[in-house]
């Protein structure tokens, strides 16, 4: 269920208002960095935000849009866009994977305006993989953007961090999570007691993903 209710536009994101605003301004002014570091506790929307940003960079309606109607948006929504590449460093931390990625960096995007590499849990990469990535970050091709996400920013090499625009995701406020849960329950026509919603929110401890998986268990 969490995947079903993943935000598909910036408006739908629960919490993280400052980050949403800053990224939207950057898109509006076409001030795009080559590397971003999204750090913060798990389930606070880092990879969701990375995907939205990738979508807003490549939407055929123009920079900053997330129309969800064009071919590019649809492909990003179902994880089939050839220019938006997601890597989970926790499983693919090998130097070879990163090397092959870096080999392909120099090729122009196939469909989109930008090639976007989303590297999740980037702190798990090996030293060799970090070094390979660093080389690319030192001289990134025009059309390439890296968005790295991590729950442990202190484990990311300072040389990498210094080349990124860093955004710190905080725990999401309880009222934002509560609104999200109520919105889902109403969409699904499920009756609820506010007390129950509050209990889920407290257990989730600022993580939207956790809140939705607890909701799932409760409904099951």
N, C-alpha and C. Protein backbone atom coordinates (compact mmCIF):
# COMPACT_ATOMS: atom_id res chain seq x y z
N UNK A 1 0.83 -1.21 0.00
CA UNK A 1 0.00 0.00 0.00
C UNK A 1 0.87 1.27 0.00
N UNK A 2 2.01 1.19 0.68
CA UNK A 2 2.87 2.37 0.73
C UNK A 2 3.19 2.85 -0.68
N UNK A 3 3.51 1.90 -1.58
CA UNK A 3 3.88 2.27 -2.95
C UNK A 3 2.72 2.94 -3.68
N UNK A 4 1.50 2.43 -3.41
CA UNK A 4 0.30 2.99 -4.06
C UNK A 4 0.15 4.46 -3.70
N UNK A 5 0.51 4.81 -2.47
CA UNK A 5 0.27 6.18 -2.02
C UNK A 5 1.54 7.03 -1.98
N UNK A 6 2.55 6.56 -2.70
CA UNK A 6 3.76 7.37 -2.79
C UNK A 6 3.41 8.68 -3.51
N UNK A 7 3.87 9.83 -3.02
CA UNK A 7 3.51 11.09 -3.68
C UNK A 7 3.97 11.11 -5.14
N UNK A 8 3.11 11.61 -6.02
CA UNK A 8 3.49 11.72 -7.43
C UNK A 8 3.69 13.18 -7.83
N UNK A 9 3.41 14.10 -6.91
CA UNK A 9 3.71 15.52 -7.15
C UNK A 9 4.28 16.09 -5.85
N UNK A 10 4.93 17.26 -5.95
CA UNK A 10 5.49 17.89 -4.76
C UNK A 10 4.40 18.24 -3.74
N UNK A 11 3.20 18.57 -4.25
CA UNK A 11 2.10 18.95 -3.35
C UNK A 11 1.72 17.81 -2.41
N UNK A 12 1.90 16.59 -2.87
CA UNK A 12 1.45 15.43 -2.08
C UNK A 12 2.43 14.99 -1.00
N UNK A 13 3.61 15.60 -0.99
CA UNK A 13 4.62 15.18 0.00
C UNK A 13 4.19 15.57 1.41
N UNK A 14 4.28 14.61 2.34
CA UNK A 14 3.94 14.91 3.74
C UNK A 14 5.17 15.52 4.42
N UNK A 15 5.01 16.70 4.98
CA UNK A 15 6.13 17.34 5.68
C UNK A 15 7.20 17.83 4.71
N UNK A 16 8.41 18.08 5.26
CA UNK A 16 9.59 18.53 4.47
C UNK A 16 9.28 19.76 3.60
N UNK A 17 8.46 20.67 4.13
CA UNK A 17 8.01 21.82 3.33
C UNK A 17 9.17 22.69 2.84
N UNK A 18 10.16 22.90 3.70
CA UNK A 18 11.29 23.77 3.32
C UNK A 18 12.06 23.17 2.15
N UNK A 19 12.27 21.85 2.21
CA UNK A 19 13.02 21.19 1.14
C UNK A 19 12.24 21.25 -0.17
N UNK A 20 10.95 20.98 -0.08
CA UNK A 20 10.10 21.06 -1.28
C UNK A 20 10.20 22.45 -1.89
N UNK A 21 10.09 23.47 -1.04
CA UNK A 21 10.11 24.85 -1.53
C UNK A 21 11.45 25.19 -2.19
N UNK A 22 12.55 24.79 -1.54
CA UNK A 22 13.88 25.09 -2.08
C UNK A 22 14.11 24.40 -3.42
N UNK A 23 13.72 23.13 -3.51
CA UNK A 23 13.92 22.39 -4.77
C UNK A 23 13.04 22.97 -5.88
N UNK A 24 11.82 23.36 -5.53
CA UNK A 24 10.94 23.93 -6.56
C UNK A 24 11.48 25.27 -7.05
N UNK A 25 12.04 26.05 -6.14
CA UNK A 25 12.65 27.33 -6.55
C UNK A 25 13.82 27.10 -7.49
N UNK A 26 14.65 26.10 -7.14
CA UNK A 26 15.82 25.79 -7.98
C UNK A 26 15.36 25.41 -9.39
N UNK A 27 14.29 24.63 -9.47
CA UNK A 27 13.76 24.22 -10.78
C UNK A 27 13.21 25.43 -11.54
N UNK A 28 12.49 26.29 -10.81
CA UNK A 28 11.88 27.46 -11.46
C UNK A 28 12.96 28.40 -12.01
N UNK A 29 14.08 28.51 -11.28
CA UNK A 29 15.15 29.43 -11.69
C UNK A 29 16.21 28.72 -12.53
N UNK A 30 15.99 27.43 -12.79
CA UNK A 30 16.94 26.61 -13.55
C UNK A 30 18.34 26.63 -12.91
N UNK A 31 18.38 26.62 -11.59
CA UNK A 31 19.67 26.58 -10.88
C UNK A 31 19.85 25.16 -10.34
N UNK A 32 20.33 24.29 -11.22
CA UNK A 32 20.42 22.87 -10.86
C UNK A 32 21.86 22.50 -10.55
N UNK A 33 22.06 21.84 -9.42
CA UNK A 33 23.41 21.37 -9.06
C UNK A 33 23.63 20.00 -9.71
N UNK A 34 24.89 19.56 -9.74
CA UNK A 34 25.18 18.24 -10.32
C UNK A 34 25.06 17.12 -9.31
N UNK A 35 25.12 17.49 -8.03
CA UNK A 35 25.04 16.44 -7.01
C UNK A 35 24.28 16.95 -5.79
N UNK A 36 23.40 16.10 -5.29
CA UNK A 36 22.61 16.41 -4.10
C UNK A 36 22.81 15.29 -3.09
N UNK A 37 22.82 15.67 -1.81
CA UNK A 37 22.85 14.66 -0.76
C UNK A 37 21.61 14.87 0.10
N UNK A 38 20.74 13.86 0.12
CA UNK A 38 19.55 13.91 0.96
C UNK A 38 19.83 13.02 2.17
N UNK A 39 19.90 13.62 3.36
CA UNK A 39 20.18 12.79 4.52
C UNK A 39 19.06 12.92 5.53
N UNK A 40 18.89 11.90 6.36
CA UNK A 40 17.84 11.95 7.38
C UNK A 40 17.36 10.56 7.74
N UNK A 41 16.53 10.47 8.79
CA UNK A 41 16.06 9.16 9.26
C UNK A 41 15.31 8.41 8.16
N UNK A 42 15.19 7.10 8.35
CA UNK A 42 14.52 6.29 7.31
C UNK A 42 13.04 6.62 7.24
N UNK A 43 12.49 6.47 6.04
CA UNK A 43 11.05 6.66 5.87
C UNK A 43 10.59 8.11 5.92
N UNK A 44 11.53 9.06 5.74
CA UNK A 44 11.12 10.48 5.79
C UNK A 44 10.97 11.09 4.40
N UNK A 45 11.10 10.27 3.36
CA UNK A 45 10.80 10.76 2.01
C UNK A 45 12.00 11.09 1.13
N UNK A 46 13.19 10.59 1.47
CA UNK A 46 14.38 10.96 0.68
C UNK A 46 14.32 10.44 -0.75
N UNK A 47 14.07 9.13 -0.91
CA UNK A 47 14.05 8.61 -2.29
C UNK A 47 12.81 9.08 -3.03
N UNK A 48 11.71 9.26 -2.31
CA UNK A 48 10.50 9.80 -2.94
C UNK A 48 10.80 11.18 -3.52
N UNK A 49 11.48 12.01 -2.72
CA UNK A 49 11.82 13.36 -3.17
C UNK A 49 12.80 13.30 -4.36
N UNK A 50 13.72 12.36 -4.31
CA UNK A 50 14.69 12.20 -5.41
C UNK A 50 13.96 11.88 -6.71
N UNK A 51 12.97 10.98 -6.63
CA UNK A 51 12.20 10.62 -7.82
C UNK A 51 11.39 11.79 -8.34
N UNK A 52 10.79 12.54 -7.42
CA UNK A 52 10.01 13.71 -7.84
C UNK A 52 10.89 14.73 -8.54
N UNK A 53 12.09 14.91 -8.00
CA UNK A 53 13.03 15.88 -8.59
C UNK A 53 13.43 15.40 -9.98
N UNK A 54 13.71 14.10 -10.11
CA UNK A 54 14.06 13.54 -11.43
C UNK A 54 12.92 13.75 -12.41
N UNK A 55 11.70 13.59 -11.91
CA UNK A 55 10.52 13.75 -12.76
C UNK A 55 10.37 15.21 -13.21
N UNK A 56 10.60 16.12 -12.25
CA UNK A 56 10.46 17.56 -12.56
C UNK A 56 11.56 18.04 -13.51
N UNK A 57 12.69 17.34 -13.53
CA UNK A 57 13.77 17.70 -14.45
C UNK A 57 13.46 17.23 -15.87
N UNK A 58 12.72 16.14 -15.98
CA UNK A 58 12.52 15.50 -17.29
C UNK A 58 11.10 15.56 -17.83
N UNK A 59 10.17 16.17 -17.08
CA UNK A 59 8.77 16.23 -17.53
C UNK A 59 8.68 16.95 -18.88
N UNK A 60 7.91 16.39 -19.79
CA UNK A 60 7.82 16.96 -21.14
C UNK A 60 7.03 18.27 -21.16
N UNK A 61 6.32 18.56 -20.07
CA UNK A 61 5.60 19.84 -19.99
C UNK A 61 6.57 20.97 -19.68
N UNK A 62 7.77 20.62 -19.29
CA UNK A 62 8.78 21.64 -19.00
C UNK A 62 9.36 21.47 -17.60
N UNK A 63 10.53 22.05 -17.44
CA UNK A 63 11.26 21.96 -16.17
C UNK A 63 10.39 22.39 -14.99
N UNK A 64 10.37 21.57 -13.96
CA UNK A 64 9.61 21.93 -12.75
C UNK A 64 8.22 21.33 -12.70
N UNK A 65 7.75 20.82 -13.86
CA UNK A 65 6.41 20.21 -13.87
C UNK A 65 6.48 18.74 -13.47
N UNK A 66 5.40 18.24 -12.91
CA UNK A 66 5.26 16.79 -12.70
C UNK A 66 3.84 16.46 -13.14
N UNK A 67 3.65 16.41 -14.46
CA UNK A 67 2.28 16.31 -15.00
C UNK A 67 1.68 14.91 -14.79
N UNK A 68 2.54 13.90 -14.68
CA UNK A 68 2.10 12.50 -14.53
C UNK A 68 1.30 11.99 -15.72
N UNK A 69 1.30 12.77 -16.81
CA UNK A 69 0.55 12.37 -18.00
C UNK A 69 1.50 12.03 -19.15
N UNK A 70 2.62 12.73 -19.22
CA UNK A 70 3.54 12.55 -20.35
C UNK A 70 4.29 11.22 -20.21
N UNK A 71 4.91 10.81 -21.31
CA UNK A 71 5.63 9.53 -21.35
C UNK A 71 6.72 9.48 -20.28
N UNK A 72 7.44 10.59 -20.13
CA UNK A 72 8.55 10.65 -19.18
C UNK A 72 8.07 10.43 -17.74
N UNK A 73 7.03 11.17 -17.34
CA UNK A 73 6.47 11.03 -15.99
C UNK A 73 5.96 9.61 -15.75
N UNK A 74 5.27 9.08 -16.74
CA UNK A 74 4.71 7.73 -16.59
C UNK A 74 5.83 6.71 -16.39
N UNK A 75 6.89 6.85 -17.18
CA UNK A 75 8.01 5.90 -17.07
C UNK A 75 8.68 6.01 -15.69
N UNK A 76 8.82 7.23 -15.18
CA UNK A 76 9.43 7.38 -13.85
C UNK A 76 8.50 6.78 -12.80
N UNK A 77 7.20 6.98 -12.96
CA UNK A 77 6.24 6.41 -12.00
C UNK A 77 6.30 4.88 -11.94
N UNK A 78 6.57 4.25 -13.11
CA UNK A 78 6.62 2.78 -13.03
C UNK A 78 8.05 2.24 -13.16
N UNK A 79 9.02 3.10 -12.79
CA UNK A 79 10.43 2.68 -12.72
C UNK A 79 11.00 2.13 -14.03
N UNK A 80 10.54 2.67 -15.17
CA UNK A 80 11.08 2.14 -16.43
C UNK A 80 11.75 3.20 -17.29
N UNK A 81 12.05 4.37 -16.69
CA UNK A 81 12.68 5.45 -17.47
C UNK A 81 14.16 5.13 -17.69
N UNK A 82 14.60 5.13 -18.96
CA UNK A 82 15.99 4.74 -19.22
C UNK A 82 17.02 5.73 -18.67
N UNK A 83 16.60 6.95 -18.37
CA UNK A 83 17.57 7.95 -17.90
C UNK A 83 17.52 8.20 -16.40
N UNK A 84 16.62 7.51 -15.70
CA UNK A 84 16.57 7.65 -14.25
C UNK A 84 16.97 6.30 -13.66
N UNK A 85 18.18 6.26 -13.12
CA UNK A 85 18.77 4.99 -12.70
C UNK A 85 18.87 4.95 -11.18
N UNK A 86 18.22 3.96 -10.58
CA UNK A 86 18.27 3.84 -9.12
C UNK A 86 19.22 2.73 -8.72
N UNK A 87 20.10 3.04 -7.78
CA UNK A 87 21.06 2.05 -7.31
C UNK A 87 20.94 1.97 -5.80
N UNK A 88 20.83 0.77 -5.27
CA UNK A 88 20.83 0.62 -3.82
C UNK A 88 22.23 0.23 -3.40
N UNK A 89 22.95 1.18 -2.83
CA UNK A 89 24.35 0.94 -2.48
C UNK A 89 24.51 -0.15 -1.43
N UNK A 90 23.43 -0.40 -0.68
CA UNK A 90 23.51 -1.45 0.35
C UNK A 90 23.70 -2.81 -0.32
N UNK A 91 23.17 -2.97 -1.54
CA UNK A 91 23.35 -4.26 -2.21
C UNK A 91 24.36 -4.18 -3.36
N UNK A 92 24.46 -3.01 -3.99
CA UNK A 92 25.40 -2.87 -5.11
C UNK A 92 26.56 -1.97 -4.76
N UNK A 93 27.28 -2.28 -3.71
CA UNK A 93 28.33 -1.35 -3.31
C UNK A 93 29.65 -1.63 -4.01
N UNK A 94 29.66 -2.66 -4.84
CA UNK A 94 30.91 -3.07 -5.47
C UNK A 94 31.47 -2.02 -6.40
N UNK A 95 32.78 -2.00 -6.49
CA UNK A 95 33.47 -1.05 -7.36
C UNK A 95 33.05 -1.28 -8.80
N UNK A 96 32.86 -2.54 -9.18
CA UNK A 96 32.52 -2.85 -10.57
C UNK A 96 31.21 -2.20 -10.99
N UNK A 97 30.19 -2.30 -10.12
CA UNK A 97 28.89 -1.69 -10.44
C UNK A 97 29.06 -0.19 -10.68
N UNK A 98 29.81 0.44 -9.77
CA UNK A 98 29.97 1.89 -9.89
C UNK A 98 30.79 2.22 -11.13
N UNK A 99 31.82 1.41 -11.39
CA UNK A 99 32.64 1.65 -12.59
C UNK A 99 31.79 1.57 -13.84
N UNK A 100 30.93 0.55 -13.92
CA UNK A 100 30.13 0.40 -15.14
C UNK A 100 29.14 1.55 -15.25
N UNK A 101 28.65 2.04 -14.11
CA UNK A 101 27.77 3.19 -14.09
C UNK A 101 28.51 4.41 -14.64
N UNK A 102 29.75 4.57 -14.17
CA UNK A 102 30.53 5.74 -14.56
C UNK A 102 30.93 5.69 -16.03
N UNK A 103 31.13 4.48 -16.52
CA UNK A 103 31.40 4.30 -17.96
C UNK A 103 30.25 4.88 -18.78
N UNK A 104 29.01 4.65 -18.28
CA UNK A 104 27.83 5.04 -19.05
C UNK A 104 27.47 6.51 -18.85
N UNK A 105 28.08 7.13 -17.83
CA UNK A 105 27.74 8.52 -17.50
C UNK A 105 27.97 9.44 -18.70
N UNK A 106 29.02 9.15 -19.46
CA UNK A 106 29.37 10.07 -20.55
C UNK A 106 28.37 10.07 -21.72
N UNK A 107 27.55 8.99 -21.81
CA UNK A 107 26.57 8.97 -22.89
C UNK A 107 25.41 9.90 -22.60
N UNK A 108 24.93 10.56 -23.65
CA UNK A 108 23.82 11.50 -23.47
C UNK A 108 22.55 10.76 -23.04
N UNK A 109 21.62 11.47 -22.42
CA UNK A 109 20.35 10.83 -22.04
C UNK A 109 19.64 10.28 -23.27
N UNK A 110 18.86 9.22 -23.09
CA UNK A 110 18.17 8.58 -24.21
C UNK A 110 16.88 9.33 -24.52
N UNK A 111 16.03 9.51 -23.49
CA UNK A 111 14.74 10.18 -23.69
C UNK A 111 14.68 11.54 -23.02
N UNK A 112 15.31 11.64 -21.88
CA UNK A 112 15.13 12.82 -21.05
C UNK A 112 16.11 13.93 -21.35
N UNK A 113 15.96 14.99 -20.55
CA UNK A 113 16.86 16.12 -20.66
C UNK A 113 18.11 15.82 -19.82
N UNK A 114 17.88 15.12 -18.70
CA UNK A 114 18.96 14.78 -17.78
C UNK A 114 18.98 13.30 -17.48
N UNK A 115 20.19 12.80 -17.26
CA UNK A 115 20.36 11.46 -16.71
C UNK A 115 20.45 11.64 -15.20
N UNK A 116 19.59 10.98 -14.47
CA UNK A 116 19.58 11.15 -13.02
C UNK A 116 19.93 9.82 -12.35
N UNK A 117 20.99 9.83 -11.57
CA UNK A 117 21.37 8.64 -10.81
C UNK A 117 20.94 8.83 -9.37
N UNK A 118 20.06 7.96 -8.89
CA UNK A 118 19.63 8.02 -7.49
C UNK A 118 20.35 6.90 -6.75
N UNK A 119 21.24 7.27 -5.85
CA UNK A 119 22.00 6.25 -5.11
C UNK A 119 21.52 6.22 -3.67
N UNK A 120 20.85 5.14 -3.31
CA UNK A 120 20.28 5.03 -1.97
C UNK A 120 21.30 4.42 -1.02
N UNK A 121 21.27 4.85 0.24
CA UNK A 121 22.21 4.39 1.27
C UNK A 121 23.65 4.46 0.76
N UNK A 122 23.99 5.64 0.25
CA UNK A 122 25.29 5.85 -0.40
C UNK A 122 26.47 5.58 0.55
N UNK A 123 26.24 5.68 1.87
CA UNK A 123 27.33 5.45 2.82
C UNK A 123 27.81 4.00 2.83
N UNK A 124 27.04 3.10 2.20
CA UNK A 124 27.42 1.69 2.18
C UNK A 124 28.43 1.36 1.06
N UNK A 125 28.74 2.32 0.22
CA UNK A 125 29.65 2.03 -0.88
C UNK A 125 31.07 1.74 -0.37
N UNK A 126 31.77 0.91 -1.11
CA UNK A 126 33.16 0.60 -0.73
C UNK A 126 34.05 1.81 -1.04
N UNK A 127 35.22 1.81 -0.45
CA UNK A 127 36.19 2.89 -0.67
C UNK A 127 36.47 3.05 -2.17
N UNK A 128 36.67 1.93 -2.85
CA UNK A 128 36.96 1.97 -4.29
C UNK A 128 35.81 2.56 -5.08
N UNK A 129 34.59 2.19 -4.67
CA UNK A 129 33.41 2.71 -5.36
C UNK A 129 33.29 4.22 -5.13
N UNK A 130 33.56 4.65 -3.88
CA UNK A 130 33.53 6.08 -3.56
C UNK A 130 34.53 6.84 -4.44
N UNK A 131 35.73 6.29 -4.59
CA UNK A 131 36.76 6.97 -5.38
C UNK A 131 36.35 7.11 -6.84
N UNK A 132 35.73 6.05 -7.36
CA UNK A 132 35.27 6.09 -8.75
C UNK A 132 34.19 7.17 -8.92
N UNK A 133 33.31 7.25 -7.93
CA UNK A 133 32.23 8.24 -7.97
C UNK A 133 32.80 9.65 -7.86
N UNK A 134 33.79 9.79 -7.01
CA UNK A 134 34.40 11.10 -6.78
C UNK A 134 34.99 11.67 -8.07
N UNK A 135 35.63 10.80 -8.84
CA UNK A 135 36.21 11.24 -10.13
C UNK A 135 35.15 11.89 -11.00
N UNK A 136 33.98 11.27 -11.06
CA UNK A 136 32.89 11.81 -11.89
C UNK A 136 32.35 13.10 -11.30
N UNK A 137 32.27 13.16 -9.98
CA UNK A 137 31.73 14.37 -9.34
C UNK A 137 32.67 15.55 -9.52
N UNK A 138 33.97 15.26 -9.72
CA UNK A 138 34.92 16.35 -9.92
C UNK A 138 34.71 17.02 -11.27
N UNK A 139 34.36 16.22 -12.28
CA UNK A 139 34.09 16.79 -13.60
C UNK A 139 32.82 16.18 -14.18
N UNK A 140 31.67 16.54 -13.63
CA UNK A 140 30.43 15.89 -14.10
C UNK A 140 30.03 16.37 -15.48
N UNK A 141 29.58 15.47 -16.36
CA UNK A 141 29.06 15.90 -17.66
C UNK A 141 27.83 16.78 -17.43
N UNK A 142 27.57 17.68 -18.36
CA UNK A 142 26.46 18.64 -18.26
C UNK A 142 25.12 17.99 -17.95
N UNK A 143 24.88 16.84 -18.58
CA UNK A 143 23.54 16.24 -18.56
C UNK A 143 23.32 15.26 -17.41
N UNK A 144 24.27 15.18 -16.48
CA UNK A 144 24.16 14.17 -15.42
C UNK A 144 23.94 14.80 -14.04
N UNK A 145 22.99 14.22 -13.29
CA UNK A 145 22.74 14.68 -11.92
C UNK A 145 22.73 13.47 -10.99
N UNK A 146 23.46 13.59 -9.90
CA UNK A 146 23.47 12.52 -8.89
C UNK A 146 22.64 12.96 -7.69
N UNK A 147 21.76 12.10 -7.24
CA UNK A 147 21.05 12.37 -5.99
C UNK A 147 21.36 11.20 -5.06
N UNK A 148 22.08 11.51 -4.00
CA UNK A 148 22.48 10.46 -3.07
C UNK A 148 21.66 10.57 -1.79
N UNK A 149 21.19 9.44 -1.30
CA UNK A 149 20.39 9.45 -0.08
C UNK A 149 21.11 8.61 0.97
N UNK A 150 21.04 9.06 2.22
CA UNK A 150 21.67 8.28 3.29
C UNK A 150 21.02 8.54 4.64
N UNK A 151 21.00 7.50 5.46
CA UNK A 151 20.54 7.66 6.84
C UNK A 151 21.74 7.99 7.74
N UNK A 152 22.96 7.84 7.19
CA UNK A 152 24.16 8.06 8.01
C UNK A 152 25.17 8.96 7.30
N UNK A 153 24.87 10.26 7.22
CA UNK A 153 25.72 11.18 6.45
C UNK A 153 27.16 11.24 6.96
N UNK A 154 27.36 10.98 8.26
CA UNK A 154 28.72 11.04 8.81
C UNK A 154 29.63 9.95 8.25
N UNK A 155 29.02 8.94 7.59
CA UNK A 155 29.83 7.87 7.00
C UNK A 155 30.18 8.14 5.53
N UNK A 156 29.65 9.24 5.00
CA UNK A 156 29.95 9.57 3.60
C UNK A 156 31.24 10.37 3.56
N UNK A 157 32.12 10.04 2.61
CA UNK A 157 33.41 10.75 2.52
C UNK A 157 33.20 12.25 2.46
N UNK A 158 33.95 13.01 3.28
CA UNK A 158 33.83 14.48 3.26
C UNK A 158 34.07 15.06 1.86
N UNK A 159 34.95 14.42 1.08
CA UNK A 159 35.22 14.93 -0.28
C UNK A 159 33.97 14.82 -1.16
N UNK A 160 33.16 13.81 -0.90
CA UNK A 160 31.89 13.66 -1.66
C UNK A 160 30.89 14.70 -1.16
N UNK A 161 30.76 14.79 0.17
CA UNK A 161 29.79 15.73 0.75
C UNK A 161 30.05 17.15 0.28
N UNK A 162 31.33 17.52 0.20
CA UNK A 162 31.68 18.90 -0.16
C UNK A 162 31.28 19.24 -1.60
N UNK A 163 31.05 18.21 -2.42
CA UNK A 163 30.66 18.47 -3.81
C UNK A 163 29.15 18.42 -4.01
N UNK A 164 28.42 18.22 -2.92
CA UNK A 164 26.96 18.09 -3.02
C UNK A 164 26.25 19.28 -2.40
N UNK A 165 25.04 19.52 -2.90
CA UNK A 165 24.12 20.40 -2.17
C UNK A 165 23.42 19.49 -1.18
N UNK A 166 23.51 19.83 0.09
CA UNK A 166 22.98 18.91 1.10
C UNK A 166 21.63 19.35 1.64
N UNK A 167 20.72 18.41 1.75
CA UNK A 167 19.40 18.67 2.33
C UNK A 167 19.18 17.69 3.47
N UNK A 168 18.87 18.23 4.65
CA UNK A 168 18.64 17.37 5.81
C UNK A 168 17.14 17.20 6.05
N UNK A 169 16.70 15.97 5.92
CA UNK A 169 15.29 15.64 6.12
C UNK A 169 15.07 15.36 7.60
N UNK A 170 14.10 16.05 8.19
CA UNK A 170 13.80 15.78 9.60
C UNK A 170 12.68 14.77 9.69
N UNK A 171 12.40 14.34 10.90
CA UNK A 171 11.22 13.49 11.10
C UNK A 171 10.00 14.31 10.70
N UNK A 172 9.01 13.65 10.14
CA UNK A 172 7.81 14.37 9.67
C UNK A 172 6.89 14.65 10.86
N UNK A 173 6.32 15.87 10.88
CA UNK A 173 5.45 16.27 12.00
C UNK A 173 4.25 15.34 12.09
N UNK A 174 3.81 15.08 13.32
CA UNK A 174 2.68 14.18 13.55
C UNK A 174 1.43 14.57 12.79
N UNK A 175 1.14 15.89 12.76
CA UNK A 175 -0.12 16.27 12.08
C UNK A 175 -0.06 16.00 10.58
N UNK A 176 1.14 16.11 9.96
CA UNK A 176 1.26 15.80 8.52
C UNK A 176 1.03 14.31 8.27
N UNK A 177 1.57 13.47 9.17
CA UNK A 177 1.39 12.02 9.01
C UNK A 177 -0.08 11.66 9.22
N UNK A 178 -0.66 12.27 10.24
CA UNK A 178 -2.06 12.01 10.56
C UNK A 178 -2.96 12.39 9.37
N UNK A 179 -2.70 13.54 8.76
CA UNK A 179 -3.48 13.98 7.58
C UNK A 179 -3.37 12.95 6.45
N UNK A 180 -2.14 12.45 6.25
CA UNK A 180 -1.89 11.48 5.19
C UNK A 180 -2.70 10.20 5.42
N UNK A 181 -2.67 9.71 6.66
CA UNK A 181 -3.39 8.48 6.99
C UNK A 181 -4.89 8.66 6.78
N UNK A 182 -5.42 9.80 7.27
CA UNK A 182 -6.86 10.06 7.14
C UNK A 182 -7.26 10.17 5.66
N UNK A 183 -6.40 10.82 4.88
CA UNK A 183 -6.66 10.96 3.44
C UNK A 183 -6.76 9.57 2.79
N UNK A 184 -5.86 8.66 3.16
CA UNK A 184 -5.88 7.30 2.59
C UNK A 184 -7.12 6.54 3.04
N UNK A 185 -7.43 6.62 4.34
CA UNK A 185 -8.61 5.91 4.86
C UNK A 185 -9.88 6.39 4.18
N UNK A 186 -9.94 7.71 3.93
CA UNK A 186 -11.14 8.25 3.28
C UNK A 186 -11.21 7.82 1.81
N UNK A 187 -10.05 7.80 1.15
CA UNK A 187 -10.02 7.35 -0.25
C UNK A 187 -10.47 5.89 -0.35
N UNK A 188 -10.10 5.10 0.66
CA UNK A 188 -10.42 3.67 0.64
C UNK A 188 -11.79 3.38 1.27
N UNK A 189 -12.50 4.47 1.67
CA UNK A 189 -13.81 4.32 2.34
C UNK A 189 -13.75 3.42 3.58
N UNK A 190 -12.75 3.63 4.40
CA UNK A 190 -12.62 2.84 5.62
C UNK A 190 -12.96 3.74 6.81
N UNK A 191 -13.87 3.28 7.67
CA UNK A 191 -14.21 4.12 8.83
C UNK A 191 -13.14 3.95 9.90
N UNK A 192 -12.92 4.99 10.68
CA UNK A 192 -11.81 4.97 11.64
C UNK A 192 -12.14 5.81 12.86
N UNK A 193 -11.41 5.56 13.93
CA UNK A 193 -11.49 6.42 15.10
C UNK A 193 -10.20 7.23 15.17
N UNK A 194 -10.32 8.51 15.52
CA UNK A 194 -9.14 9.37 15.60
C UNK A 194 -8.10 8.82 16.56
N UNK A 195 -8.57 8.18 17.64
CA UNK A 195 -7.67 7.60 18.63
C UNK A 195 -6.72 6.59 17.98
N UNK A 196 -7.29 5.80 17.07
CA UNK A 196 -6.50 4.77 16.39
C UNK A 196 -5.45 5.42 15.48
N UNK A 197 -5.87 6.46 14.76
CA UNK A 197 -4.93 7.18 13.89
C UNK A 197 -3.78 7.75 14.72
N UNK A 198 -4.12 8.35 15.85
CA UNK A 198 -3.10 8.94 16.73
C UNK A 198 -2.12 7.88 17.22
N UNK A 199 -2.64 6.70 17.54
CA UNK A 199 -1.77 5.61 18.01
C UNK A 199 -0.77 5.21 16.93
N UNK A 200 -1.25 5.11 15.68
CA UNK A 200 -0.36 4.75 14.55
C UNK A 200 0.72 5.82 14.39
N UNK A 201 0.30 7.08 14.43
CA UNK A 201 1.24 8.20 14.25
C UNK A 201 2.33 8.16 15.31
N UNK A 202 1.94 7.89 16.55
CA UNK A 202 2.94 7.86 17.63
C UNK A 202 3.93 6.72 17.45
N UNK A 203 3.43 5.57 17.02
CA UNK A 203 4.31 4.43 16.77
C UNK A 203 5.28 4.70 15.62
N UNK A 204 4.82 5.48 14.65
CA UNK A 204 5.64 5.72 13.45
C UNK A 204 6.84 6.61 13.72
N UNK A 205 6.76 7.41 14.80
CA UNK A 205 7.90 8.23 15.21
C UNK A 205 8.50 9.06 14.07
N UNK A 206 7.65 9.78 13.34
CA UNK A 206 8.16 10.72 12.33
C UNK A 206 8.46 10.11 10.98
N UNK A 207 8.20 8.82 10.80
CA UNK A 207 8.46 8.18 9.50
C UNK A 207 7.16 7.87 8.79
N UNK A 208 6.97 8.47 7.62
CA UNK A 208 5.72 8.27 6.87
C UNK A 208 5.62 6.81 6.41
N UNK A 209 6.75 6.27 5.95
CA UNK A 209 6.73 4.90 5.45
C UNK A 209 6.30 3.93 6.56
N UNK A 210 6.87 4.13 7.77
CA UNK A 210 6.50 3.27 8.90
C UNK A 210 5.02 3.41 9.22
N UNK A 211 4.53 4.65 9.19
CA UNK A 211 3.11 4.89 9.49
C UNK A 211 2.24 4.09 8.53
N UNK A 212 2.59 4.11 7.24
CA UNK A 212 1.76 3.41 6.25
C UNK A 212 1.88 1.91 6.36
N UNK A 213 3.07 1.41 6.78
CA UNK A 213 3.15 -0.05 6.90
C UNK A 213 2.43 -0.52 8.16
N UNK A 214 2.41 0.31 9.22
CA UNK A 214 1.63 -0.04 10.41
C UNK A 214 0.13 -0.02 10.04
N UNK A 215 -0.25 1.00 9.27
CA UNK A 215 -1.65 1.11 8.82
C UNK A 215 -2.05 -0.15 8.06
N UNK A 216 -1.16 -0.60 7.18
CA UNK A 216 -1.37 -1.82 6.42
C UNK A 216 -1.65 -3.01 7.31
N UNK A 217 -0.79 -3.17 8.35
CA UNK A 217 -0.94 -4.30 9.27
C UNK A 217 -2.27 -4.21 10.02
N UNK A 218 -2.61 -3.00 10.45
CA UNK A 218 -3.85 -2.80 11.19
C UNK A 218 -5.05 -3.18 10.31
N UNK A 219 -5.02 -2.75 9.06
CA UNK A 219 -6.14 -3.03 8.17
C UNK A 219 -6.22 -4.52 7.84
N UNK A 220 -5.06 -5.19 7.82
CA UNK A 220 -5.04 -6.63 7.52
C UNK A 220 -5.64 -7.40 8.69
